[in-house]
Amino acid sequence: MLTAYKILAQAAVSSDSSFAETLYTCPASPAAGDASRRRSQVLVSSIVVCNKNASSARTYAIKVVPSGEVSADKHILFNDRSLTAKGTEISSMGIGLQPGDKILVHAQTADICISMFGIEMV
């Protein structure tokens, strides 16, 4: 199994509509070799959210939607969470993703930046 520790995604969230922006999609299995044995998996170790606005709090939201499912309230991790002006939150987690699983985000304004770190395993 090949393992890569990496920045999985970084974005200045531009969507203020409900979960319209995809931050990350777990990659599909590699084509080479036996597909039943070679499967991409991702372990999200942390998500860092920063409000770059100097004077106002802003809100953000994050969802994890499994492959083949339609986005629903049951997938919400953080919902309209308020972040102080110039504030940063670090969420340490251990979210396992399979091919096609998605991390969706939205924010009150484009002042919110999100970075996601973890391990891709093939």
PDB file of N, CA and C in Angstrom:
ATOM      1  N   MET A   1       0.841  -1.184   0.000  1.00  0.00           N
ATOM      2  CA  MET A   1       0.000   0.000   0.000  1.00  0.00           C
ATOM      3  C   MET A   1       0.878   1.236   0.000  1.00  0.00           C
ATOM      4  N   LEU A   2       0.657   2.115  -0.960  1.00  0.00           N
ATOM      5  CA  LEU A   2       1.366   3.385  -1.032  1.00  0.00           C
ATOM      6  C   LEU A   2       0.656   4.402  -0.151  1.00  0.00           C
ATOM      7  N   THR A   3       1.446   5.168   0.589  1.00  0.00           N
ATOM      8  CA  THR A   3       0.877   6.156   1.496  1.00  0.00           C
ATOM      9  C   THR A   3       1.506   7.513   1.229  1.00  0.00           C
ATOM     10  N   ALA A   4       0.685   8.545   1.144  1.00  0.00           N
ATOM     11  CA  ALA A   4       1.179   9.906   0.943  1.00  0.00           C
ATOM     12  C   ALA A   4       0.549  10.829   1.976  1.00  0.00           C
ATOM     13  N   TYR A   5       1.383  11.437   2.823  1.00  0.00           N
ATOM     14  CA  TYR A   5       0.930  12.450   3.769  1.00  0.00           C
ATOM     15  C   TYR A   5       0.895  13.763   3.010  1.00  0.00           C
ATOM     16  N   LYS A   6      -0.251  14.452   3.034  1.00  0.00           N
ATOM     17  CA  LYS A   6      -0.324  15.623   2.171  1.00  0.00           C
ATOM     18  C   LYS A   6      -1.390  16.623   2.571  1.00  0.00           C
ATOM     19  N   ILE A   7      -1.310  17.765   1.915  1.00  0.00           N
ATOM     20  CA  ILE A   7      -2.395  18.737   1.961  1.00  0.00           C
ATOM     21  C   ILE A   7      -3.445  18.188   1.008  1.00  0.00           C
ATOM     22  N   LEU A   8      -4.594  17.841   1.521  1.00  0.00           N
ATOM     23  CA  LEU A   8      -5.642  17.252   0.689  1.00  0.00           C
ATOM     24  C   LEU A   8      -6.399  18.322  -0.089  1.00  0.00           C
ATOM     25  N   ALA A   9      -6.618  19.479   0.527  1.00  0.00           N
ATOM     26  CA  ALA A   9      -7.374  20.541  -0.143  1.00  0.00           C
ATOM     27  C   ALA A   9      -7.146  21.864   0.583  1.00  0.00           C
ATOM     28  N   GLN A  10      -7.212  22.953  -0.186  1.00  0.00           N
ATOM     29  CA  GLN A  10      -7.183  24.300   0.365  1.00  0.00           C
ATOM     30  C   GLN A  10      -8.085  25.165  -0.499  1.00  0.00           C
ATOM     31  N   ALA A  11      -8.900  25.993   0.151  1.00  0.00           N
ATOM     32  CA  ALA A  11      -9.810  26.840  -0.614  1.00  0.00           C
ATOM     33  C   ALA A  11     -10.206  28.069   0.180  1.00  0.00           C
ATOM     34  N   ALA A  12     -10.370  29.170  -0.553  1.00  0.00           N
ATOM     35  CA  ALA A  12     -11.073  30.329  -0.025  1.00  0.00           C
ATOM     36  C   ALA A  12     -12.518  30.074  -0.438  1.00  0.00           C
ATOM     37  N   VAL A  13     -13.347  29.760   0.519  1.00  0.00           N
ATOM     38  CA  VAL A  13     -14.716  29.325   0.225  1.00  0.00           C
ATOM     39  C   VAL A  13     -15.498  30.481  -0.365  1.00  0.00           C
ATOM     40  N   SER A  14     -16.005  30.269  -1.562  1.00  0.00           N
ATOM     41  CA  SER A  14     -16.683  31.348  -2.262  1.00  0.00           C
ATOM     42  C   SER A  14     -18.193  31.163  -2.314  1.00  0.00           C
ATOM     43  N   SER A  15     -18.663  30.038  -1.860  1.00  0.00           N
ATOM     44  CA  SER A  15     -20.090  29.750  -1.956  1.00  0.00           C
ATOM     45  C   SER A  15     -20.795  30.047  -0.648  1.00  0.00           C
ATOM     46  N   ASP A  16     -21.774  30.941  -0.704  1.00  0.00           N
ATOM     47  CA  ASP A  16     -22.567  31.191   0.495  1.00  0.00           C
ATOM     48  C   ASP A  16     -23.902  30.450   0.434  1.00  0.00           C
ATOM     49  N   SER A  17     -24.133  29.713  -0.650  1.00  0.00           N
ATOM     50  CA  SER A  17     -25.353  28.900  -0.705  1.00  0.00           C
ATOM     51  C   SER A  17     -25.065  27.556  -0.051  1.00  0.00           C
ATOM     52  N   SER A  18     -26.085  26.907   0.383  1.00  0.00           N
ATOM     53  CA  SER A  18     -25.956  25.719   1.208  1.00  0.00           C
ATOM     54  C   SER A  18     -25.162  24.595   0.538  1.00  0.00           C
ATOM     55  N   PHE A  19     -23.945  24.398   0.997  1.00  0.00           N
ATOM     56  CA  PHE A  19     -23.069  23.298   0.600  1.00  0.00           C
ATOM     57  C   PHE A  19     -22.934  23.133  -0.907  1.00  0.00           C
ATOM     58  N   ALA A  20     -22.778  24.248  -1.614  1.00  0.00           N
ATOM     59  CA  ALA A  20     -22.666  24.204  -3.074  1.00  0.00           C
ATOM     60  C   ALA A  20     -21.234  23.956  -3.535  1.00  0.00           C
ATOM     61  N   GLU A  21     -20.263  24.047  -2.645  1.00  0.00           N
ATOM     62  CA  GLU A  21     -18.868  23.924  -3.050  1.00  0.00           C
ATOM     63  C   GLU A  21     -18.257  22.619  -2.548  1.00  0.00           C
ATOM     64  N   THR A  22     -17.623  21.889  -3.455  1.00  0.00           N
ATOM     65  CA  THR A  22     -16.916  20.667  -3.087  1.00  0.00           C
ATOM     66  C   THR A  22     -15.478  21.024  -2.749  1.00  0.00           C
ATOM     67  N   LEU A  23     -15.080  20.758  -1.511  1.00  0.00           N
ATOM     68  CA  LEU A  23     -13.705  21.008  -1.093  1.00  0.00           C
ATOM     69  C   LEU A  23     -12.796  19.870  -1.550  1.00  0.00           C
ATOM     70  N   TYR A  24     -13.293  18.623  -1.459  1.00  0.00           N
ATOM     71  CA  TYR A  24     -12.445  17.460  -1.769  1.00  0.00           C
ATOM     72  C   TYR A  24     -13.325  16.275  -2.132  1.00  0.00           C
ATOM     73  N   THR A  25     -12.853  15.494  -3.098  1.00  0.00           N
ATOM     74  CA  THR A  25     -13.480  14.220  -3.449  1.00  0.00           C
ATOM     75  C   THR A  25     -12.408  13.147  -3.374  1.00  0.00           C
ATOM     76  N   CYS A  26     -12.672  12.086  -2.627  1.00  0.00           N
ATOM     77  CA  CYS A  26     -11.722  10.985  -2.525  1.00  0.00           C
ATOM     78  C   CYS A  26     -11.520  10.393  -3.918  1.00  0.00           C
ATOM     79  N   PRO A  27     -10.263  10.239  -4.353  1.00  0.00           N
ATOM     80  CA  PRO A  27     -10.008   9.756  -5.705  1.00  0.00           C
ATOM     81  C   PRO A  27     -10.462   8.316  -5.919  1.00  0.00           C
ATOM     82  N   ALA A  28     -10.737   8.007  -7.189  1.00  0.00           N
ATOM     83  CA  ALA A  28     -11.140   6.655  -7.565  1.00  0.00           C
ATOM     84  C   ALA A  28      -9.957   5.705  -7.455  1.00  0.00           C
ATOM     85  N   SER A  29     -10.253   4.431  -7.433  1.00  0.00           N
ATOM     86  CA  SER A  29      -9.211   3.413  -7.385  1.00  0.00           C
ATOM     87  C   SER A  29      -8.338   3.488  -8.629  1.00  0.00           C
ATOM     88  N   PRO A  30      -7.056   3.176  -8.494  1.00  0.00           N
ATOM     89  CA  PRO A  30      -6.175   3.171  -9.660  1.00  0.00           C
ATOM     90  C   PRO A  30      -6.616   2.113 -10.666  1.00  0.00           C
ATOM     91  N   ALA A  31      -6.390   2.387 -11.937  1.00  0.00           N
ATOM     92  CA  ALA A  31      -6.808   1.460 -12.993  1.00  0.00           C
ATOM     93  C   ALA A  31      -5.916   0.221 -13.062  1.00  0.00           C
ATOM     94  N   ALA A  32      -4.651   0.373 -12.756  1.00  0.00           N
ATOM     95  CA  ALA A  32      -3.728  -0.754 -12.883  1.00  0.00           C
ATOM     96  C   ALA A  32      -3.933  -1.780 -11.777  1.00  0.00           C
ATOM     97  N   GLY A  33      -3.714  -3.044 -12.106  1.00  0.00           N
ATOM     98  CA  GLY A  33      -3.781  -4.110 -11.113  1.00  0.00           C
ATOM     99  C   GLY A  33      -5.193  -4.578 -10.850  1.00  0.00           C
ATOM    100  N   ASP A  34      -5.327  -5.376  -9.840  1.00  0.00           N
ATOM    101  CA  ASP A  34      -6.608  -5.950  -9.454  1.00  0.00           C
ATOM    102  C   ASP A  34      -7.421  -4.908  -8.696  1.00  0.00           C
ATOM    103  N   ALA A  35      -8.487  -4.425  -9.297  1.00  0.00           N
ATOM    104  CA  ALA A  35      -9.300  -3.352  -8.708  1.00  0.00           C
ATOM    105  C   ALA A  35      -9.880  -3.749  -7.359  1.00  0.00           C
ATOM    106  N   SER A  36     -10.108  -5.038  -7.129  1.00  0.00           N
ATOM    107  CA  SER A  36     -10.679  -5.462  -5.851  1.00  0.00           C
ATOM    108  C   SER A  36      -9.667  -5.349  -4.724  1.00  0.00           C
ATOM    109  N   ARG A  37      -8.390  -5.305  -5.049  1.00  0.00           N
ATOM    110  CA  ARG A  37      -7.351  -5.201  -4.026  1.00  0.00           C
ATOM    111  C   ARG A  37      -6.796  -3.787  -3.919  1.00  0.00           C
ATOM    112  N   ARG A  38      -6.839  -3.047  -5.019  1.00  0.00           N
ATOM    113  CA  ARG A  38      -6.257  -1.703  -5.044  1.00  0.00           C
ATOM    114  C   ARG A  38      -7.370  -0.681  -4.932  1.00  0.00           C
ATOM    115  N   ARG A  39      -7.526  -0.141  -3.767  1.00  0.00           N
ATOM    116  CA  ARG A  39      -8.589   0.803  -3.519  1.00  0.00           C
ATOM    117  C   ARG A  39      -8.050   2.037  -2.836  1.00  0.00           C
ATOM    118  N   SER A  40      -8.408   3.183  -3.340  1.00  0.00           N
ATOM    119  CA  SER A  40      -7.986   4.420  -2.687  1.00  0.00           C
ATOM    120  C   SER A  40      -8.758   4.599  -1.390  1.00  0.00           C
ATOM    121  N   GLN A  41      -8.057   5.050  -0.387  1.00  0.00           N
ATOM    122  CA  GLN A  41      -8.669   5.418   0.885  1.00  0.00           C
ATOM    123  C   GLN A  41      -7.974   6.682   1.363  1.00  0.00           C
ATOM    124  N   VAL A  42      -8.701   7.483   2.101  1.00  0.00           N
ATOM    125  CA  VAL A  42      -8.130   8.708   2.640  1.00  0.00           C
ATOM    126  C   VAL A  42      -8.481   8.801   4.114  1.00  0.00           C
ATOM    127  N   LEU A  43      -7.503   9.223   4.898  1.00  0.00           N
ATOM    128  CA  LEU A  43      -7.744   9.501   6.307  1.00  0.00           C
ATOM    129  C   LEU A  43      -7.531  10.990   6.510  1.00  0.00           C
ATOM    130  N   VAL A  44      -8.616  11.711   6.800  1.00  0.00           N
ATOM    131  CA  VAL A  44      -8.533  13.150   7.073  1.00  0.00           C
ATOM    132  C   VAL A  44      -8.099  13.307   8.524  1.00  0.00           C
ATOM    133  N   SER A  45      -6.921  13.911   8.727  1.00  0.00           N
ATOM    134  CA  SER A  45      -6.404  14.060  10.090  1.00  0.00           C
ATOM    135  C   SER A  45      -6.801  15.381  10.726  1.00  0.00           C
ATOM    136  N   SER A  46      -6.917  16.441   9.903  1.00  0.00           N
ATOM    137  CA  SER A  46      -7.308  17.731  10.478  1.00  0.00           C
ATOM    138  C   SER A  46      -7.873  18.660   9.413  1.00  0.00           C
ATOM    139  N   ILE A  47      -8.730  19.539   9.889  1.00  0.00           N
ATOM    140  CA  ILE A  47      -9.282  20.604   9.054  1.00  0.00           C
ATOM    141  C   ILE A  47      -9.035  21.913   9.788  1.00  0.00           C
ATOM    142  N   VAL A  48      -8.440  22.880   9.087  1.00  0.00           N
ATOM    143  CA  VAL A  48      -8.139  24.186   9.663  1.00  0.00           C
ATOM    144  C   VAL A  48      -8.997  25.217   8.945  1.00  0.00           C
ATOM    145  N   VAL A  49      -9.729  26.009   9.728  1.00  0.00           N
ATOM    146  CA  VAL A  49     -10.609  27.035   9.168  1.00  0.00           C
ATOM    147  C   VAL A  49     -10.146  28.388   9.691  1.00  0.00           C
ATOM    148  N   CYS A  50      -9.994  29.347   8.784  1.00  0.00           N
ATOM    149  CA  CYS A  50      -9.514  30.680   9.145  1.00  0.00           C
ATOM    150  C   CYS A  50     -10.480  31.738   8.626  1.00  0.00           C
ATOM    151  N   ASN A  51     -10.791  32.703   9.488  1.00  0.00           N
ATOM    152  CA  ASN A  51     -11.570  33.871   9.083  1.00  0.00           C
ATOM    153  C   ASN A  51     -10.579  35.008   8.863  1.00  0.00           C
ATOM    154  N   LYS A  52     -10.386  35.403   7.617  1.00  0.00           N
ATOM    155  CA  LYS A  52      -9.408  36.451   7.320  1.00  0.00           C
ATOM    156  C   LYS A  52      -9.965  37.861   7.471  1.00  0.00           C
ATOM    157  N   ASN A  53     -11.259  37.982   7.800  1.00  0.00           N
ATOM    158  CA  ASN A  53     -11.851  39.294   8.006  1.00  0.00           C
ATOM    159  C   ASN A  53     -11.309  39.887   9.308  1.00  0.00           C
ATOM    160  N   ALA A  54     -10.876  41.145   9.252  1.00  0.00           N
ATOM    161  CA  ALA A  54     -10.243  41.785  10.405  1.00  0.00           C
ATOM    162  C   ALA A  54     -11.223  42.326  11.434  1.00  0.00           C
ATOM    163  N   SER A  55     -12.497  42.467  11.080  1.00  0.00           N
ATOM    164  CA  SER A  55     -13.399  43.137  12.012  1.00  0.00           C
ATOM    165  C   SER A  55     -14.681  42.383  12.355  1.00  0.00           C
ATOM    166  N   SER A  56     -15.034  41.331  11.598  1.00  0.00           N
ATOM    167  CA  SER A  56     -16.324  40.671  11.842  1.00  0.00           C
ATOM    168  C   SER A  56     -16.213  39.156  11.907  1.00  0.00           C
ATOM    169  N   ALA A  57     -17.042  38.593  12.767  1.00  0.00           N
ATOM    170  CA  ALA A  57     -17.159  37.132  12.808  1.00  0.00           C
ATOM    171  C   ALA A  57     -17.836  36.663  11.524  1.00  0.00           C
ATOM    172  N   ARG A  58     -17.527  35.459  11.101  1.00  0.00           N
ATOM    173  CA  ARG A  58     -18.130  34.850   9.917  1.00  0.00           C
ATOM    174  C   ARG A  58     -18.522  33.415  10.265  1.00  0.00           C
ATOM    175  N   THR A  59     -19.449  32.848   9.495  1.00  0.00           N
ATOM    176  CA  THR A  59     -19.857  31.469   9.740  1.00  0.00           C
ATOM    177  C   THR A  59     -19.443  30.573   8.575  1.00  0.00           C
ATOM    178  N   TYR A  60     -19.294  29.286   8.900  1.00  0.00           N
ATOM    179  CA  TYR A  60     -18.966  28.288   7.894  1.00  0.00           C
ATOM    180  C   TYR A  60     -19.665  26.979   8.252  1.00  0.00           C
ATOM    181  N   ALA A  61     -19.709  26.069   7.289  1.00  0.00           N
ATOM    182  CA  ALA A  61     -20.306  24.760   7.515  1.00  0.00           C
ATOM    183  C   ALA A  61     -19.550  23.717   6.693  1.00  0.00           C
ATOM    184  N   ILE A  62     -19.497  22.488   7.216  1.00  0.00           N
ATOM    185  CA  ILE A  62     -18.792  21.384   6.553  1.00  0.00           C
ATOM    186  C   ILE A  62     -19.655  20.132   6.625  1.00  0.00           C
ATOM    187  N   LYS A  63     -19.685  19.395   5.518  1.00  0.00           N
ATOM    188  CA  LYS A  63     -20.433  18.142   5.406  1.00  0.00           C
ATOM    189  C   LYS A  63     -19.539  17.060   4.825  1.00  0.00           C
ATOM    190  N   VAL A  64     -19.777  15.799   5.206  1.00  0.00           N
ATOM    191  CA  VAL A  64     -19.142  14.647   4.576  1.00  0.00           C
ATOM    192  C   VAL A  64     -20.259  13.820   3.953  1.00  0.00           C
ATOM    193  N   VAL A  65     -20.217  13.663   2.624  1.00  0.00           N
ATOM    194  CA  VAL A  65     -21.271  12.942   1.906  1.00  0.00           C
ATOM    195  C   VAL A  65     -20.674  11.686   1.279  1.00  0.00           C
ATOM    196  N   PRO A  66     -21.123  10.500   1.717  1.00  0.00           N
ATOM    197  CA  PRO A  66     -20.627   9.253   1.138  1.00  0.00           C
ATOM    198  C   PRO A  66     -20.983   9.131  -0.343  1.00  0.00           C
ATOM    199  N   SER A  67     -20.138   8.448  -1.076  1.00  0.00           N
ATOM    200  CA  SER A  67     -20.347   8.210  -2.500  1.00  0.00           C
ATOM    201  C   SER A  67     -21.717   7.593  -2.736  1.00  0.00           C
ATOM    202  N   GLY A  68     -22.420   8.105  -3.735  1.00  0.00           N
ATOM    203  CA  GLY A  68     -23.724   7.562  -4.094  1.00  0.00           C
ATOM    204  C   GLY A  68     -24.885   8.115  -3.298  1.00  0.00           C
ATOM    205  N   GLU A  69     -24.619   8.912  -2.272  1.00  0.00           N
ATOM    206  CA  GLU A  69     -25.696   9.506  -1.478  1.00  0.00           C
ATOM    207  C   GLU A  69     -25.923  10.949  -1.894  1.00  0.00           C
ATOM    208  N   VAL A  70     -27.141  11.409  -1.687  1.00  0.00           N
ATOM    209  CA  VAL A  70     -27.493  12.797  -1.945  1.00  0.00           C
ATOM    210  C   VAL A  70     -27.262  13.582  -0.656  1.00  0.00           C
ATOM    211  N   SER A  71     -26.674  14.742  -0.783  1.00  0.00           N
ATOM    212  CA  SER A  71     -26.395  15.593   0.370  1.00  0.00           C
ATOM    213  C   SER A  71     -27.659  15.809   1.208  1.00  0.00           C
ATOM    214  N   ALA A  72     -27.525  15.579   2.536  1.00  0.00           N
ATOM    215  CA  ALA A  72     -28.656  15.708   3.459  1.00  0.00           C
ATOM    216  C   ALA A  72     -28.158  16.233   4.802  1.00  0.00           C
ATOM    217  N   ASP A  73     -29.088  16.620   5.649  1.00  0.00           N
ATOM    218  CA  ASP A  73     -28.726  17.139   6.972  1.00  0.00           C
ATOM    219  C   ASP A  73     -27.911  16.133   7.787  1.00  0.00           C
ATOM    220  N   LYS A  74     -28.133  14.849   7.590  1.00  0.00           N
ATOM    221  CA  LYS A  74     -27.420  13.835   8.373  1.00  0.00           C
ATOM    222  C   LYS A  74     -25.907  13.858   8.131  1.00  0.00           C
ATOM    223  N   HIS A  75     -25.449  14.512   7.064  1.00  0.00           N
ATOM    224  CA  HIS A  75     -24.031  14.547   6.723  1.00  0.00           C
ATOM    225  C   HIS A  75     -23.279  15.730   7.336  1.00  0.00           C
ATOM    226  N   ILE A  76     -23.964  16.613   8.038  1.00  0.00           N
ATOM    227  CA  ILE A  76     -23.349  17.844   8.563  1.00  0.00           C
ATOM    228  C   ILE A  76     -22.402  17.537   9.726  1.00  0.00           C
ATOM    229  N   LEU A  77     -21.179  18.078   9.629  1.00  0.00           N
ATOM    230  CA  LEU A  77     -20.224  18.020  10.741  1.00  0.00           C
ATOM    231  C   LEU A  77     -20.264  19.318  11.542  1.00  0.00           C
ATOM    232  N   PHE A  78     -20.216  20.444  10.830  1.00  0.00           N
ATOM    233  CA  PHE A  78     -20.303  21.770  11.439  1.00  0.00           C
ATOM    234  C   PHE A  78     -21.350  22.545  10.662  1.00  0.00           C
ATOM    235  N   ASN A  79     -22.300  23.156  11.372  1.00  0.00           N
ATOM    236  CA  ASN A  79     -23.376  23.873  10.696  1.00  0.00           C
ATOM    237  C   ASN A  79     -23.408  25.326  11.135  1.00  0.00           C
ATOM    238  N   ASP A  80     -23.148  26.228  10.212  1.00  0.00           N
ATOM    239  CA  ASP A  80     -23.145  27.668  10.483  1.00  0.00           C
ATOM    240  C   ASP A  80     -22.399  27.996  11.774  1.00  0.00           C
ATOM    241  N   ARG A  81     -21.217  27.433  11.872  1.00  0.00           N
ATOM    242  CA  ARG A  81     -20.357  27.647  13.033  1.00  0.00           C
ATOM    243  C   ARG A  81     -19.717  29.031  12.924  1.00  0.00           C
ATOM    244  N   SER A  82     -19.781  29.807  13.995  1.00  0.00           N
ATOM    245  CA  SER A  82     -19.251  31.166  13.995  1.00  0.00           C
ATOM    246  C   SER A  82     -17.767  31.157  14.335  1.00  0.00           C
ATOM    247  N   LEU A  83     -17.021  31.955  13.582  1.00  0.00           N
ATOM    248  CA  LEU A  83     -15.584  32.080  13.797  1.00  0.00           C
ATOM    249  C   LEU A  83     -15.261  33.566  13.943  1.00  0.00           C
ATOM    250  N   THR A  84     -14.626  33.945  15.042  1.00  0.00           N
ATOM    251  CA  THR A  84     -14.340  35.347  15.341  1.00  0.00           C
ATOM    252  C   THR A  84     -13.467  35.991  14.268  1.00  0.00           C
ATOM    253  N   ALA A  85     -13.469  37.320  14.235  1.00  0.00           N
ATOM    254  CA  ALA A  85     -12.617  38.065  13.309  1.00  0.00           C
ATOM    255  C   ALA A  85     -11.169  37.626  13.500  1.00  0.00           C
ATOM    256  N   LYS A  86     -10.474  37.363  12.412  1.00  0.00           N
ATOM    257  CA  LYS A  86      -9.090  36.884  12.406  1.00  0.00           C
ATOM    258  C   LYS A  86      -8.919  35.575  13.174  1.00  0.00           C
ATOM    259  N   GLY A  87      -9.997  34.853  13.409  1.00  0.00           N
ATOM    260  CA  GLY A  87      -9.934  33.615  14.171  1.00  0.00           C
ATOM    261  C   GLY A  87      -9.558  32.411  13.321  1.00  0.00           C
ATOM    262  N   THR A  88      -8.987  31.412  13.993  1.00  0.00           N
ATOM    263  CA  THR A  88      -8.634  30.148  13.357  1.00  0.00           C
ATOM    264  C   THR A  88      -9.077  29.005  14.260  1.00  0.00           C
ATOM    265  N   GLU A  89      -9.677  27.985  13.665  1.00  0.00           N
ATOM    266  CA  GLU A  89     -10.052  26.773  14.395  1.00  0.00           C
ATOM    267  C   GLU A  89      -9.354  25.589  13.755  1.00  0.00           C
ATOM    268  N   ILE A  90      -8.823  24.704  14.595  1.00  0.00           N
ATOM    269  CA  ILE A  90      -8.200  23.481  14.119  1.00  0.00           C
ATOM    270  C   ILE A  90      -8.996  22.320  14.688  1.00  0.00           C
ATOM    271  N   SER A  91      -9.541  21.508  13.802  1.00  0.00           N
ATOM    272  CA  SER A  91     -10.310  20.334  14.224  1.00  0.00           C
ATOM    273  C   SER A  91      -9.499  19.094  13.883  1.00  0.00           C
ATOM    274  N   SER A  92      -9.066  18.385  14.923  1.00  0.00           N
ATOM    275  CA  SER A  92      -8.357  17.127  14.720  1.00  0.00           C
ATOM    276  C   SER A  92      -9.393  16.026  14.638  1.00  0.00           C
ATOM    277  N   MET A  93      -9.280  15.202  13.611  1.00  0.00           N
ATOM    278  CA  MET A  93     -10.278  14.162  13.416  1.00  0.00           C
ATOM    279  C   MET A  93      -9.637  12.945  12.790  1.00  0.00           C
ATOM    280  N   GLY A  94     -10.403  11.951  12.576  1.00  0.00           N
ATOM    281  CA  GLY A  94      -9.954  10.735  11.910  1.00  0.00           C
ATOM    282  C   GLY A  94     -11.053  10.250  10.992  1.00  0.00           C
ATOM    283  N   ILE A  95     -11.368  11.043   9.985  1.00  0.00           N
ATOM    284  CA  ILE A  95     -12.457  10.701   9.072  1.00  0.00           C
ATOM    285  C   ILE A  95     -11.903   9.828   7.954  1.00  0.00           C
ATOM    286  N   GLY A  96     -12.452   8.636   7.800  1.00  0.00           N
ATOM    287  CA  GLY A  96     -12.060   7.747   6.721  1.00  0.00           C
ATOM    288  C   GLY A  96     -12.944   7.969   5.507  1.00  0.00           C
ATOM    289  N   LEU A  97     -12.321   8.154   4.340  1.00  0.00           N
ATOM    290  CA  LEU A  97     -13.068   8.367   3.100  1.00  0.00           C
ATOM    291  C   LEU A  97     -12.755   7.252   2.109  1.00  0.00           C
ATOM    292  N   GLN A  98     -13.773   6.854   1.364  1.00  0.00           N
ATOM    293  CA  GLN A  98     -13.648   5.864   0.303  1.00  0.00           C
ATOM    294  C   GLN A  98     -13.814   6.580  -1.037  1.00  0.00           C
ATOM    295  N   PRO A  99     -13.464   5.928  -2.152  1.00  0.00           N
ATOM    296  CA  PRO A  99     -13.594   6.584  -3.456  1.00  0.00           C
ATOM    297  C   PRO A  99     -14.980   7.184  -3.686  1.00  0.00           C
ATOM    298  N   GLY A 100     -14.985   8.450  -4.102  1.00  0.00           N
ATOM    299  CA  GLY A 100     -16.231   9.153  -4.393  1.00  0.00           C
ATOM    300  C   GLY A 100     -16.838   9.895  -3.214  1.00  0.00           C
ATOM    301  N   ASP A 101     -16.389   9.629  -1.994  1.00  0.00           N
ATOM    302  CA  ASP A 101     -16.877  10.384  -0.837  1.00  0.00           C
ATOM    303  C   ASP A 101     -16.438  11.837  -0.995  1.00  0.00           C
ATOM    304  N   LYS A 102     -17.293  12.776  -0.559  1.00  0.00           N
ATOM    305  CA  LYS A 102     -17.006  14.200  -0.748  1.00  0.00           C
ATOM    306  C   LYS A 102     -17.074  14.981   0.551  1.00  0.00           C
ATOM    307  N   ILE A 103     -16.250  16.022   0.615  1.00  0.00           N
ATOM    308  CA  ILE A 103     -16.322  17.023   1.674  1.00  0.00           C
ATOM    309  C   ILE A 103     -16.904  18.269   1.017  1.00  0.00           C
ATOM    310  N   LEU A 104     -18.075  18.700   1.493  1.00  0.00           N
ATOM    311  CA  LEU A 104     -18.737  19.901   0.965  1.00  0.00           C
ATOM    312  C   LEU A 104     -18.652  21.011   1.996  1.00  0.00           C
ATOM    313  N   VAL A 105     -18.554  22.258   1.525  1.00  0.00           N
ATOM    314  CA  VAL A 105     -18.433  23.404   2.429  1.00  0.00           C
ATOM    315  C   VAL A 105     -19.276  24.576   1.939  1.00  0.00           C
ATOM    316  N   HIS A 106     -19.594  25.451   2.856  1.00  0.00           N
ATOM    317  CA  HIS A 106     -20.109  26.767   2.487  1.00  0.00           C
ATOM    318  C   HIS A 106     -19.762  27.739   3.584  1.00  0.00           C
ATOM    319  N   ALA A 107     -19.807  29.024   3.252  1.00  0.00           N
ATOM    320  CA  ALA A 107     -19.433  30.060   4.205  1.00  0.00           C
ATOM    321  C   ALA A 107     -20.313  31.278   3.997  1.00  0.00           C
ATOM    322  N   GLN A 108     -20.367  32.093   5.035  1.00  0.00           N
ATOM    323  CA  GLN A 108     -21.165  33.317   4.993  1.00  0.00           C
ATOM    324  C   GLN A 108     -20.640  34.258   3.911  1.00  0.00           C
ATOM    325  N   THR A 109     -19.321  34.359   3.809  1.00  0.00           N
ATOM    326  CA  THR A 109     -18.688  35.203   2.791  1.00  0.00           C
ATOM    327  C   THR A 109     -17.393  34.539   2.346  1.00  0.00           C
ATOM    328  N   ALA A 110     -16.721  35.146   1.400  1.00  0.00           N
ATOM    329  CA  ALA A 110     -15.448  34.615   0.907  1.00  0.00           C
ATOM    330  C   ALA A 110     -14.294  34.859   1.878  1.00  0.00           C
ATOM    331  N   ASP A 111     -14.572  35.347   3.070  1.00  0.00           N
ATOM    332  CA  ASP A 111     -13.528  35.581   4.070  1.00  0.00           C
ATOM    333  C   ASP A 111     -13.037  34.290   4.728  1.00  0.00           C
ATOM    334  N   ILE A 112     -13.715  33.188   4.504  1.00  0.00           N
ATOM    335  CA  ILE A 112     -13.360  31.920   5.144  1.00  0.00           C
ATOM    336  C   ILE A 112     -12.435  31.112   4.239  1.00  0.00           C
ATOM    337  N   CYS A 113     -11.304  30.677   4.816  1.00  0.00           N
ATOM    338  CA  CYS A 113     -10.349  29.813   4.113  1.00  0.00           C
ATOM    339  C   CYS A 113     -10.270  28.489   4.867  1.00  0.00           C
ATOM    340  N   ILE A 114     -10.254  27.384   4.126  1.00  0.00           N
ATOM    341  CA  ILE A 114     -10.228  26.058   4.736  1.00  0.00           C
ATOM    342  C   ILE A 114      -9.081  25.253   4.150  1.00  0.00           C
ATOM    343  N   SER A 115      -8.317  24.600   5.034  1.00  0.00           N
ATOM    344  CA  SER A 115      -7.260  23.673   4.622  1.00  0.00           C
ATOM    345  C   SER A 115      -7.558  22.323   5.252  1.00  0.00           C
ATOM    346  N   MET A 116      -7.352  21.256   4.477  1.00  0.00           N
ATOM    347  CA  MET A 116      -7.604  19.898   4.967  1.00  0.00           C
ATOM    348  C   MET A 116      -6.332  19.066   4.760  1.00  0.00           C
ATOM    349  N   PHE A 117      -5.925  18.367   5.805  1.00  0.00           N
ATOM    350  CA  PHE A 117      -4.699  17.592   5.776  1.00  0.00           C
ATOM    351  C   PHE A 117      -5.010  16.127   6.083  1.00  0.00           C
ATOM    352  N   GLY A 118      -4.193  15.233   5.544  1.00  0.00           N
ATOM    353  CA  GLY A 118      -4.422  13.830   5.824  1.00  0.00           C
ATOM    354  C   GLY A 118      -3.501  12.913   5.060  1.00  0.00           C
ATOM    355  N   ILE A 119      -3.943  11.670   4.900  1.00  0.00           N
ATOM    356  CA  ILE A 119      -3.150  10.616   4.281  1.00  0.00           C
ATOM    357  C   ILE A 119      -3.958   9.980   3.169  1.00  0.00           C
ATOM    358  N   GLU A 120      -3.388   9.917   1.966  1.00  0.00           N
ATOM    359  CA  GLU A 120      -3.997   9.166   0.873  1.00  0.00           C
ATOM    360  C   GLU A 120      -3.278   7.820   0.798  1.00  0.00           C
ATOM    361  N   MET A 121      -4.072   6.749   0.775  1.00  0.00           N
ATOM    362  CA  MET A 121      -3.522   5.402   0.720  1.00  0.00           C
ATOM    363  C   MET A 121      -4.060   4.677  -0.503  1.00  0.00           C
ATOM    364  N   VAL A 122      -3.165   4.048  -1.250  1.00  0.00           N
ATOM    365  CA  VAL A 122      -3.561   3.278  -2.429  1.00  0.00           C
ATOM    366  C   VAL A 122      -2.995   1.886  -2.316  1.00  0.00           C
TER     367      VAL A 122
END
